[in-house]
Amino acid sequence: MMELKKDEGLQEYTELKYIDLKAARFEKTIGGFLSLKIADKEYKRINVHRTFPFTNPDLYISVSDEDKKEIGFISDLNLLKSEYKKLIEDELGVRYFTPEITKVINIKEEFGYYYWEVETDAGHRKFTVQSGHNNMKTLNDIQLLIVDVDGNRYKMSDVNSMESKHLKVIGALI
């Protein structure tokens, strides 16, 4: 096994790289992608991800290039110029689109799959969830995150507001 010198290898992975927000320019390309220019460097297509999507959604936004190589972090969205902040929030809104379930109409189980019919803040939805704890996560005592078989996410802010027959099904799944 090769030993790394003190200044090689691991050091670059243990330090967070922050984007200089005074030098950064975010733009939408003609094709609708988000781009970034920092000093003499230009990234024609970037990706943004929340590091803490539920607990601190506006802090430590990871920015990577089109090859998924990390460029750096935005420490706080609120430190950005308003037009840049809007561009990034729009991009994150698409990536983290998570309709809020406002009413459960029906949950039916067949062969290890649960078929949901719900009302959400984005309209009427039907989706399928494979049984297993990985697809339903409690965010705290009353909030629930549900991931369907297609990877779409749904959020329920207060599971206690559900009818007891649906609450029993969910209780068995979590």
N, C-alpha and C. Protein backbone atom coordinates (compact mmCIF):
# COMPACT_ATOMS: atom_id res chain seq x y z
N MET A 1 0.84 -1.18 0.00
CA MET A 1 0.00 0.00 0.00
C MET A 1 0.89 1.25 0.00
N MET A 2 0.55 2.19 -0.88
CA MET A 2 1.35 3.40 -1.00
C MET A 2 0.93 4.43 0.05
N GLU A 3 1.92 5.02 0.72
CA GLU A 3 1.61 6.06 1.71
C GLU A 3 1.52 7.41 1.04
N LEU A 4 0.56 8.20 1.47
CA LEU A 4 0.42 9.55 0.93
C LEU A 4 1.24 10.52 1.76
N LYS A 5 1.88 11.46 1.08
CA LYS A 5 2.58 12.52 1.79
C LYS A 5 1.53 13.45 2.39
N LYS A 6 1.93 14.21 3.37
CA LYS A 6 1.00 15.08 4.11
C LYS A 6 0.17 15.96 3.18
N ASP A 7 0.76 16.55 2.16
CA ASP A 7 0.05 17.51 1.31
C ASP A 7 -0.63 16.86 0.12
N GLU A 8 -0.59 15.55 0.00
CA GLU A 8 -1.19 14.88 -1.14
C GLU A 8 -2.50 14.20 -0.77
N GLY A 9 -3.28 13.92 -1.78
CA GLY A 9 -4.44 13.04 -1.67
C GLY A 9 -5.53 13.45 -0.72
N LEU A 10 -5.49 12.95 0.51
CA LEU A 10 -6.59 13.10 1.44
C LEU A 10 -6.88 14.54 1.83
N GLN A 11 -5.88 15.39 1.85
CA GLN A 11 -6.10 16.77 2.27
C GLN A 11 -7.12 17.46 1.37
N GLU A 12 -7.07 17.17 0.07
CA GLU A 12 -8.01 17.82 -0.83
C GLU A 12 -9.45 17.37 -0.56
N TYR A 13 -9.64 16.21 0.04
CA TYR A 13 -10.97 15.71 0.34
C TYR A 13 -11.47 16.12 1.72
N THR A 14 -10.60 16.60 2.56
CA THR A 14 -11.02 16.95 3.92
C THR A 14 -11.32 18.43 4.09
N GLU A 15 -11.01 19.23 3.10
CA GLU A 15 -11.28 20.66 3.16
C GLU A 15 -12.43 21.00 2.23
N LEU A 16 -13.39 21.75 2.74
CA LEU A 16 -14.49 22.20 1.89
C LEU A 16 -14.01 23.34 1.01
N LYS A 17 -14.38 23.30 -0.24
CA LYS A 17 -14.05 24.38 -1.16
C LYS A 17 -15.29 25.26 -1.30
N TYR A 18 -15.15 26.52 -0.97
CA TYR A 18 -16.28 27.44 -1.07
C TYR A 18 -16.14 28.27 -2.34
N ILE A 19 -17.26 28.53 -2.97
CA ILE A 19 -17.28 29.38 -4.16
C ILE A 19 -17.24 30.83 -3.71
N ASP A 20 -16.36 31.60 -4.33
CA ASP A 20 -16.27 33.03 -4.04
C ASP A 20 -17.50 33.70 -4.65
N LEU A 21 -18.47 34.02 -3.81
CA LEU A 21 -19.75 34.54 -4.30
C LEU A 21 -19.62 35.93 -4.91
N LYS A 22 -18.57 36.66 -4.58
CA LYS A 22 -18.37 37.99 -5.19
C LYS A 22 -17.85 37.87 -6.61
N ALA A 23 -17.15 36.79 -6.91
CA ALA A 23 -16.58 36.59 -8.24
C ALA A 23 -17.45 35.70 -9.13
N ALA A 24 -18.43 35.02 -8.55
CA ALA A 24 -19.24 34.06 -9.30
C ALA A 24 -20.38 34.73 -10.05
N ARG A 25 -20.62 34.24 -11.28
CA ARG A 25 -21.77 34.70 -12.08
C ARG A 25 -22.54 33.46 -12.54
N PHE A 26 -23.78 33.35 -12.09
CA PHE A 26 -24.65 32.25 -12.48
C PHE A 26 -25.57 32.75 -13.59
N GLU A 27 -25.80 31.90 -14.60
CA GLU A 27 -26.68 32.26 -15.71
C GLU A 27 -27.42 31.03 -16.20
N LYS A 28 -28.53 31.26 -16.89
CA LYS A 28 -29.23 30.19 -17.62
C LYS A 28 -28.71 30.21 -19.04
N THR A 29 -28.40 29.04 -19.58
CA THR A 29 -27.94 28.96 -20.96
C THR A 29 -29.15 28.99 -21.89
N ILE A 30 -28.90 29.11 -23.18
CA ILE A 30 -29.98 29.09 -24.17
C ILE A 30 -30.74 27.78 -24.08
N GLY A 31 -30.04 26.69 -23.76
CA GLY A 31 -30.67 25.37 -23.64
C GLY A 31 -31.40 25.17 -22.32
N GLY A 32 -31.35 26.15 -21.41
CA GLY A 32 -32.07 26.07 -20.15
C GLY A 32 -31.27 25.49 -19.00
N PHE A 33 -29.96 25.30 -19.21
CA PHE A 33 -29.11 24.77 -18.14
C PHE A 33 -28.54 25.91 -17.32
N LEU A 34 -28.12 25.59 -16.11
CA LEU A 34 -27.48 26.56 -15.23
C LEU A 34 -25.98 26.53 -15.51
N SER A 35 -25.37 27.71 -15.68
CA SER A 35 -23.94 27.79 -15.92
C SER A 35 -23.30 28.68 -14.86
N LEU A 36 -21.98 28.59 -14.75
CA LEU A 36 -21.24 29.35 -13.74
C LEU A 36 -19.94 29.86 -14.35
N LYS A 37 -19.66 31.13 -14.08
CA LYS A 37 -18.37 31.72 -14.45
C LYS A 37 -17.74 32.24 -13.17
N ILE A 38 -16.50 31.82 -12.93
CA ILE A 38 -15.74 32.32 -11.79
C ILE A 38 -14.39 32.76 -12.34
N ALA A 39 -14.11 34.04 -12.23
CA ALA A 39 -12.86 34.62 -12.73
C ALA A 39 -12.64 34.18 -14.18
N ASP A 40 -11.59 33.41 -14.45
CA ASP A 40 -11.29 33.00 -15.82
C ASP A 40 -11.80 31.60 -16.15
N LYS A 41 -12.56 31.00 -15.26
CA LYS A 41 -13.07 29.65 -15.46
C LYS A 41 -14.57 29.68 -15.77
N GLU A 42 -14.97 28.89 -16.76
CA GLU A 42 -16.38 28.84 -17.13
C GLU A 42 -16.87 27.40 -17.14
N TYR A 43 -18.01 27.18 -16.48
CA TYR A 43 -18.66 25.87 -16.46
C TYR A 43 -19.98 26.04 -17.20
N LYS A 44 -20.09 25.43 -18.37
CA LYS A 44 -21.26 25.63 -19.22
C LYS A 44 -22.52 24.96 -18.68
N ARG A 45 -22.34 23.95 -17.84
CA ARG A 45 -23.48 23.26 -17.25
C ARG A 45 -23.09 22.80 -15.85
N ILE A 46 -23.87 23.26 -14.85
CA ILE A 46 -23.58 22.86 -13.48
C ILE A 46 -24.81 22.19 -12.87
N ASN A 47 -24.56 21.45 -11.81
CA ASN A 47 -25.61 20.81 -11.02
C ASN A 47 -25.53 21.36 -9.60
N VAL A 48 -26.68 21.53 -8.98
CA VAL A 48 -26.71 21.99 -7.59
C VAL A 48 -27.48 20.97 -6.75
N HIS A 49 -26.97 20.72 -5.55
CA HIS A 49 -27.58 19.76 -4.63
C HIS A 49 -27.57 20.33 -3.22
N ARG A 50 -28.63 20.07 -2.51
CA ARG A 50 -28.67 20.45 -1.10
C ARG A 50 -27.94 19.39 -0.28
N THR A 51 -27.06 19.83 0.59
CA THR A 51 -26.35 18.90 1.47
C THR A 51 -27.27 18.44 2.59
N PHE A 52 -28.11 19.35 3.09
CA PHE A 52 -29.05 19.04 4.16
C PHE A 52 -30.46 19.45 3.70
N PRO A 53 -31.08 18.67 2.80
CA PRO A 53 -32.34 19.11 2.18
C PRO A 53 -33.50 19.32 3.14
N PHE A 54 -33.52 18.66 4.28
CA PHE A 54 -34.66 18.80 5.19
C PHE A 54 -34.36 19.67 6.40
N THR A 55 -33.13 19.61 6.90
CA THR A 55 -32.83 20.34 8.11
C THR A 55 -32.30 21.75 7.85
N ASN A 56 -31.51 21.94 6.80
CA ASN A 56 -30.95 23.25 6.46
C ASN A 56 -30.91 23.41 4.94
N PRO A 57 -32.06 23.55 4.31
CA PRO A 57 -32.12 23.53 2.85
C PRO A 57 -31.37 24.67 2.15
N ASP A 58 -31.13 25.79 2.82
CA ASP A 58 -30.45 26.92 2.19
C ASP A 58 -28.95 26.99 2.48
N LEU A 59 -28.46 26.05 3.26
CA LEU A 59 -27.04 26.07 3.63
C LEU A 59 -26.27 24.97 2.91
N TYR A 60 -25.02 25.25 2.59
CA TYR A 60 -24.09 24.28 2.00
C TYR A 60 -24.65 23.62 0.75
N ILE A 61 -24.87 24.44 -0.26
CA ILE A 61 -25.35 23.95 -1.55
C ILE A 61 -24.12 23.50 -2.34
N SER A 62 -24.11 22.24 -2.73
CA SER A 62 -23.00 21.68 -3.49
C SER A 62 -23.18 22.04 -4.97
N VAL A 63 -22.10 22.50 -5.59
CA VAL A 63 -22.11 22.85 -7.01
C VAL A 63 -21.09 21.95 -7.69
N SER A 64 -21.54 21.23 -8.73
CA SER A 64 -20.64 20.34 -9.46
C SER A 64 -20.77 20.59 -10.96
N ASP A 65 -19.76 20.16 -11.70
CA ASP A 65 -19.80 20.34 -13.15
C ASP A 65 -20.61 19.23 -13.80
N GLU A 66 -20.69 19.25 -15.12
CA GLU A 66 -21.53 18.27 -15.81
C GLU A 66 -21.01 16.84 -15.67
N ASP A 67 -19.75 16.67 -15.27
CA ASP A 67 -19.20 15.34 -15.02
C ASP A 67 -19.32 14.94 -13.56
N LYS A 68 -20.08 15.73 -12.79
CA LYS A 68 -20.34 15.50 -11.37
C LYS A 68 -19.10 15.69 -10.50
N LYS A 69 -18.12 16.42 -11.01
CA LYS A 69 -16.94 16.77 -10.21
C LYS A 69 -17.26 18.05 -9.44
N GLU A 70 -17.05 17.98 -8.13
CA GLU A 70 -17.43 19.10 -7.29
C GLU A 70 -16.57 20.33 -7.56
N ILE A 71 -17.26 21.46 -7.77
CA ILE A 71 -16.60 22.74 -7.96
C ILE A 71 -16.41 23.39 -6.59
N GLY A 72 -17.45 23.34 -5.77
CA GLY A 72 -17.39 23.92 -4.44
C GLY A 72 -18.77 24.06 -3.83
N PHE A 73 -18.84 24.76 -2.71
CA PHE A 73 -20.08 24.94 -1.98
C PHE A 73 -20.48 26.41 -1.94
N ILE A 74 -21.77 26.63 -1.95
CA ILE A 74 -22.35 27.93 -1.60
C ILE A 74 -22.72 27.78 -0.14
N SER A 75 -22.08 28.55 0.73
CA SER A 75 -22.29 28.36 2.16
C SER A 75 -23.71 28.70 2.59
N ASP A 76 -24.31 29.71 1.96
CA ASP A 76 -25.66 30.13 2.33
C ASP A 76 -26.30 30.81 1.12
N LEU A 77 -27.43 30.29 0.67
CA LEU A 77 -28.12 30.88 -0.48
C LEU A 77 -28.46 32.35 -0.26
N ASN A 78 -28.70 32.72 0.97
CA ASN A 78 -29.10 34.09 1.29
C ASN A 78 -27.96 35.10 1.10
N LEU A 79 -26.74 34.62 0.86
CA LEU A 79 -25.62 35.52 0.61
C LEU A 79 -25.46 35.86 -0.87
N LEU A 80 -26.23 35.19 -1.71
CA LEU A 80 -26.16 35.43 -3.15
C LEU A 80 -26.94 36.68 -3.55
N LYS A 81 -26.54 37.28 -4.67
CA LYS A 81 -27.34 38.36 -5.27
C LYS A 81 -28.72 37.78 -5.57
N SER A 82 -29.74 38.60 -5.48
CA SER A 82 -31.12 38.10 -5.61
C SER A 82 -31.37 37.38 -6.93
N GLU A 83 -30.82 37.86 -8.05
CA GLU A 83 -31.07 37.19 -9.34
C GLU A 83 -30.38 35.83 -9.40
N TYR A 84 -29.20 35.69 -8.77
CA TYR A 84 -28.51 34.40 -8.72
C TYR A 84 -29.24 33.44 -7.78
N LYS A 85 -29.69 33.97 -6.66
CA LYS A 85 -30.42 33.16 -5.70
C LYS A 85 -31.67 32.56 -6.36
N LYS A 86 -32.39 33.37 -7.13
CA LYS A 86 -33.61 32.88 -7.81
C LYS A 86 -33.26 31.76 -8.80
N LEU A 87 -32.19 31.93 -9.57
CA LEU A 87 -31.78 30.89 -10.53
C LEU A 87 -31.50 29.57 -9.82
N ILE A 88 -30.78 29.65 -8.71
CA ILE A 88 -30.42 28.42 -7.98
C ILE A 88 -31.64 27.82 -7.31
N GLU A 89 -32.49 28.66 -6.72
CA GLU A 89 -33.72 28.14 -6.10
C GLU A 89 -34.63 27.47 -7.13
N ASP A 90 -34.72 28.02 -8.32
CA ASP A 90 -35.52 27.40 -9.38
C ASP A 90 -34.96 26.03 -9.74
N GLU A 91 -33.65 25.94 -9.87
CA GLU A 91 -33.00 24.67 -10.20
C GLU A 91 -33.22 23.64 -9.08
N LEU A 92 -33.07 24.08 -7.83
CA LEU A 92 -33.29 23.18 -6.69
C LEU A 92 -34.75 22.77 -6.60
N GLY A 93 -35.65 23.68 -6.96
CA GLY A 93 -37.08 23.37 -6.94
C GLY A 93 -37.44 22.22 -7.87
N VAL A 94 -36.78 22.18 -9.02
CA VAL A 94 -37.01 21.08 -9.97
C VAL A 94 -36.42 19.79 -9.41
N ARG A 95 -35.20 19.87 -8.90
CA ARG A 95 -34.52 18.68 -8.38
C ARG A 95 -35.22 18.09 -7.16
N TYR A 96 -35.71 18.96 -6.30
CA TYR A 96 -36.30 18.50 -5.04
C TYR A 96 -37.81 18.68 -4.99
N PHE A 97 -38.45 18.61 -6.15
CA PHE A 97 -39.91 18.72 -6.18
C PHE A 97 -40.51 17.62 -5.31
N THR A 98 -41.20 18.01 -4.26
CA THR A 98 -41.77 17.07 -3.31
C THR A 98 -43.17 17.54 -2.94
N PRO A 99 -44.19 17.04 -3.65
CA PRO A 99 -45.55 17.46 -3.31
C PRO A 99 -45.93 17.06 -1.88
N GLU A 100 -46.69 17.91 -1.25
CA GLU A 100 -47.21 17.68 0.10
C GLU A 100 -48.53 16.92 -0.02
N ILE A 101 -48.62 15.76 0.62
CA ILE A 101 -49.88 15.00 0.64
C ILE A 101 -50.82 15.69 1.62
N THR A 102 -51.97 16.10 1.10
CA THR A 102 -52.95 16.78 1.94
C THR A 102 -54.08 15.85 2.36
N LYS A 103 -54.30 14.79 1.56
CA LYS A 103 -55.35 13.82 1.90
C LYS A 103 -55.02 12.48 1.26
N VAL A 104 -55.14 11.41 2.04
CA VAL A 104 -54.99 10.06 1.51
C VAL A 104 -56.38 9.55 1.17
N ILE A 105 -56.59 9.21 -0.09
CA ILE A 105 -57.89 8.69 -0.52
C ILE A 105 -57.93 7.18 -0.33
N ASN A 106 -56.84 6.52 -0.73
CA ASN A 106 -56.81 5.06 -0.62
C ASN A 106 -55.37 4.57 -0.65
N ILE A 107 -55.12 3.49 0.09
CA ILE A 107 -53.86 2.75 0.01
C ILE A 107 -54.24 1.28 -0.11
N LYS A 108 -53.78 0.64 -1.19
CA LYS A 108 -54.11 -0.76 -1.43
C LYS A 108 -52.80 -1.54 -1.58
N GLU A 109 -52.72 -2.70 -0.93
CA GLU A 109 -51.52 -3.53 -0.99
C GLU A 109 -51.77 -4.75 -1.87
N GLU A 110 -50.82 -5.02 -2.77
CA GLU A 110 -50.85 -6.24 -3.59
C GLU A 110 -49.42 -6.70 -3.84
N PHE A 111 -49.12 -7.93 -3.45
CA PHE A 111 -47.84 -8.57 -3.75
C PHE A 111 -46.63 -7.72 -3.37
N GLY A 112 -46.67 -7.10 -2.21
CA GLY A 112 -45.52 -6.34 -1.74
C GLY A 112 -45.42 -4.91 -2.27
N TYR A 113 -46.44 -4.47 -2.98
CA TYR A 113 -46.48 -3.10 -3.49
C TYR A 113 -47.71 -2.41 -2.90
N TYR A 114 -47.55 -1.13 -2.60
CA TYR A 114 -48.65 -0.34 -2.05
C TYR A 114 -49.03 0.71 -3.08
N TYR A 115 -50.29 0.70 -3.45
CA TYR A 115 -50.83 1.62 -4.45
C TYR A 115 -51.55 2.74 -3.74
N TRP A 116 -51.02 3.95 -3.88
CA TRP A 116 -51.54 5.12 -3.19
C TRP A 116 -52.38 5.95 -4.16
N GLU A 117 -53.45 6.48 -3.62
CA GLU A 117 -54.22 7.52 -4.32
C GLU A 117 -54.37 8.65 -3.32
N VAL A 118 -53.88 9.83 -3.70
CA VAL A 118 -53.80 10.94 -2.76
C VAL A 118 -54.16 12.27 -3.44
N GLU A 119 -54.44 13.25 -2.60
CA GLU A 119 -54.51 14.64 -3.02
C GLU A 119 -53.25 15.30 -2.48
N THR A 120 -52.62 16.12 -3.31
CA THR A 120 -51.42 16.84 -2.88
C THR A 120 -51.58 18.32 -3.19
N ASP A 121 -50.64 19.11 -2.73
CA ASP A 121 -50.67 20.53 -3.06
C ASP A 121 -50.36 20.76 -4.53
N ALA A 122 -49.99 19.69 -5.27
CA ALA A 122 -49.76 19.77 -6.72
C ALA A 122 -50.84 19.01 -7.49
N GLY A 123 -51.94 18.66 -6.81
CA GLY A 123 -53.05 17.99 -7.48
C GLY A 123 -53.19 16.52 -7.10
N HIS A 124 -54.12 15.86 -7.77
CA HIS A 124 -54.44 14.45 -7.54
C HIS A 124 -53.29 13.59 -8.06
N ARG A 125 -52.88 12.59 -7.28
CA ARG A 125 -51.78 11.72 -7.68
C ARG A 125 -52.10 10.26 -7.34
N LYS A 126 -51.60 9.37 -8.20
CA LYS A 126 -51.59 7.94 -7.92
C LYS A 126 -50.15 7.50 -8.10
N PHE A 127 -49.65 6.73 -7.13
CA PHE A 127 -48.28 6.26 -7.21
C PHE A 127 -48.15 4.94 -6.49
N THR A 128 -47.05 4.25 -6.77
CA THR A 128 -46.80 2.92 -6.21
C THR A 128 -45.52 2.96 -5.37
N VAL A 129 -45.60 2.33 -4.19
CA VAL A 129 -44.46 2.25 -3.29
C VAL A 129 -44.18 0.79 -3.01
N GLN A 130 -42.92 0.39 -3.21
CA GLN A 130 -42.54 -0.99 -2.88
C GLN A 130 -42.41 -1.08 -1.38
N SER A 131 -42.90 -2.18 -0.81
CA SER A 131 -42.81 -2.31 0.65
C SER A 131 -41.36 -2.36 1.07
N GLY A 132 -41.11 -1.90 2.26
CA GLY A 132 -39.76 -1.86 2.79
C GLY A 132 -39.50 -0.52 3.43
N HIS A 133 -38.65 -0.54 4.42
CA HIS A 133 -38.38 0.66 5.21
C HIS A 133 -37.63 1.73 4.43
N ASN A 134 -36.95 1.35 3.34
CA ASN A 134 -36.16 2.32 2.58
C ASN A 134 -37.02 3.33 1.83
N ASN A 135 -38.27 3.02 1.61
CA ASN A 135 -39.12 3.87 0.80
C ASN A 135 -40.00 4.82 1.60
N MET A 136 -39.99 4.67 2.91
CA MET A 136 -40.74 5.56 3.78
C MET A 136 -39.85 5.90 4.96
N LYS A 137 -39.61 7.19 5.13
CA LYS A 137 -38.72 7.63 6.19
C LYS A 137 -39.41 8.68 7.05
N THR A 138 -39.27 8.54 8.34
CA THR A 138 -39.80 9.57 9.23
C THR A 138 -38.75 10.67 9.33
N LEU A 139 -39.19 11.91 9.14
CA LEU A 139 -38.28 13.05 9.24
C LEU A 139 -38.23 13.57 10.66
N ASN A 140 -39.30 13.39 11.38
CA ASN A 140 -39.38 13.67 12.82
C ASN A 140 -40.60 12.90 13.32
N ASP A 141 -41.12 13.24 14.47
CA ASP A 141 -42.22 12.47 15.06
C ASP A 141 -43.48 12.42 14.19
N ILE A 142 -43.74 13.47 13.41
CA ILE A 142 -45.00 13.48 12.66
C ILE A 142 -44.83 13.65 11.15
N GLN A 143 -43.61 13.94 10.68
CA GLN A 143 -43.40 14.12 9.24
C GLN A 143 -42.91 12.83 8.61
N LEU A 144 -43.34 12.62 7.36
CA LEU A 144 -43.01 11.39 6.65
C LEU A 144 -42.58 11.73 5.23
N LEU A 145 -41.54 11.07 4.74
CA LEU A 145 -41.10 11.18 3.37
C LEU A 145 -41.34 9.84 2.70
N ILE A 146 -42.01 9.87 1.55
CA ILE A 146 -42.35 8.65 0.82
C ILE A 146 -41.70 8.72 -0.55
N VAL A 147 -41.02 7.63 -0.96
CA VAL A 147 -40.38 7.58 -2.27
C VAL A 147 -41.05 6.47 -3.06
N ASP A 148 -41.60 6.82 -4.23
CA ASP A 148 -42.30 5.81 -5.03
C ASP A 148 -41.31 5.02 -5.89
N VAL A 149 -41.83 4.04 -6.64
CA VAL A 149 -40.97 3.15 -7.43
C VAL A 149 -40.22 3.88 -8.54
N ASP A 150 -40.67 5.08 -8.92
CA ASP A 150 -40.00 5.87 -9.94
C ASP A 150 -39.01 6.88 -9.35
N GLY A 151 -38.87 6.89 -8.02
CA GLY A 151 -37.96 7.81 -7.37
C GLY A 151 -38.57 9.17 -7.02
N ASN A 152 -39.85 9.34 -7.30
CA ASN A 152 -40.52 10.60 -6.94
C ASN A 152 -40.74 10.63 -5.43
N ARG A 153 -40.62 11.82 -4.87
CA ARG A 153 -40.77 11.98 -3.43
C ARG A 153 -42.08 12.70 -3.11
N TYR A 154 -42.68 12.30 -1.99
CA TYR A 154 -43.89 12.93 -1.47
C TYR A 154 -43.66 13.16 0.02
N LYS A 155 -44.23 14.24 0.51
CA LYS A 155 -44.04 14.57 1.92
C LYS A 155 -45.40 14.65 2.60
N MET A 156 -45.44 14.19 3.83
CA MET A 156 -46.63 14.33 4.66
C MET A 156 -46.19 15.01 5.95
N SER A 157 -46.72 16.21 6.20
CA SER A 157 -46.27 16.99 7.36
C SER A 157 -46.82 16.49 8.68
N ASP A 158 -48.01 15.89 8.65
CA ASP A 158 -48.60 15.44 9.90
C ASP A 158 -49.34 14.11 9.68
N VAL A 159 -48.63 13.00 9.94
CA VAL A 159 -49.26 11.69 9.75
C VAL A 159 -50.43 11.48 10.70
N ASN A 160 -50.45 12.20 11.81
CA ASN A 160 -51.55 12.06 12.76
C ASN A 160 -52.88 12.58 12.21
N SER A 161 -52.82 13.36 11.14
CA SER A 161 -54.06 13.88 10.55
C SER A 161 -54.74 12.87 9.63
N MET A 162 -54.12 11.73 9.40
CA MET A 162 -54.69 10.71 8.51
C MET A 162 -55.77 9.91 9.22
N GLU A 163 -56.62 9.32 8.40
CA GLU A 163 -57.64 8.40 8.94
C GLU A 163 -56.91 7.19 9.53
N SER A 164 -57.50 6.62 10.57
CA SER A 164 -56.84 5.53 11.30
C SER A 164 -56.56 4.31 10.42
N LYS A 165 -57.44 4.00 9.45
CA LYS A 165 -57.21 2.83 8.59
C LYS A 165 -55.94 3.00 7.75
N HIS A 166 -55.64 4.23 7.30
CA HIS A 166 -54.43 4.49 6.53
C HIS A 166 -53.22 4.58 7.45
N LEU A 167 -53.43 5.09 8.64
CA LEU A 167 -52.34 5.21 9.61
C LEU A 167 -51.83 3.83 10.02
N LYS A 168 -52.71 2.85 10.12
CA LYS A 168 -52.30 1.48 10.45
C LYS A 168 -51.41 0.91 9.35
N VAL A 169 -51.76 1.14 8.10
CA VAL A 169 -50.97 0.64 6.97
C VAL A 169 -49.59 1.28 6.99
N ILE A 170 -49.55 2.59 7.19
CA ILE A 170 -48.27 3.29 7.21
C ILE A 170 -47.43 2.86 8.40
N GLY A 171 -48.06 2.68 9.54
CA GLY A 171 -47.35 2.22 10.72
C GLY A 171 -46.67 0.89 10.49
N ALA A 172 -47.30 0.01 9.74
CA ALA A 172 -46.71 -1.30 9.43
C ALA A 172 -45.53 -1.17 8.47
N LEU A 173 -45.54 -0.12 7.66
CA LEU A 173 -44.48 0.05 6.67
C LEU A 173 -43.23 0.73 7.21
N ILE A 174 -43.39 1.54 8.23
CA ILE A 174 -42.24 2.32 8.72
C ILE A 174 -41.39 1.49 9.64
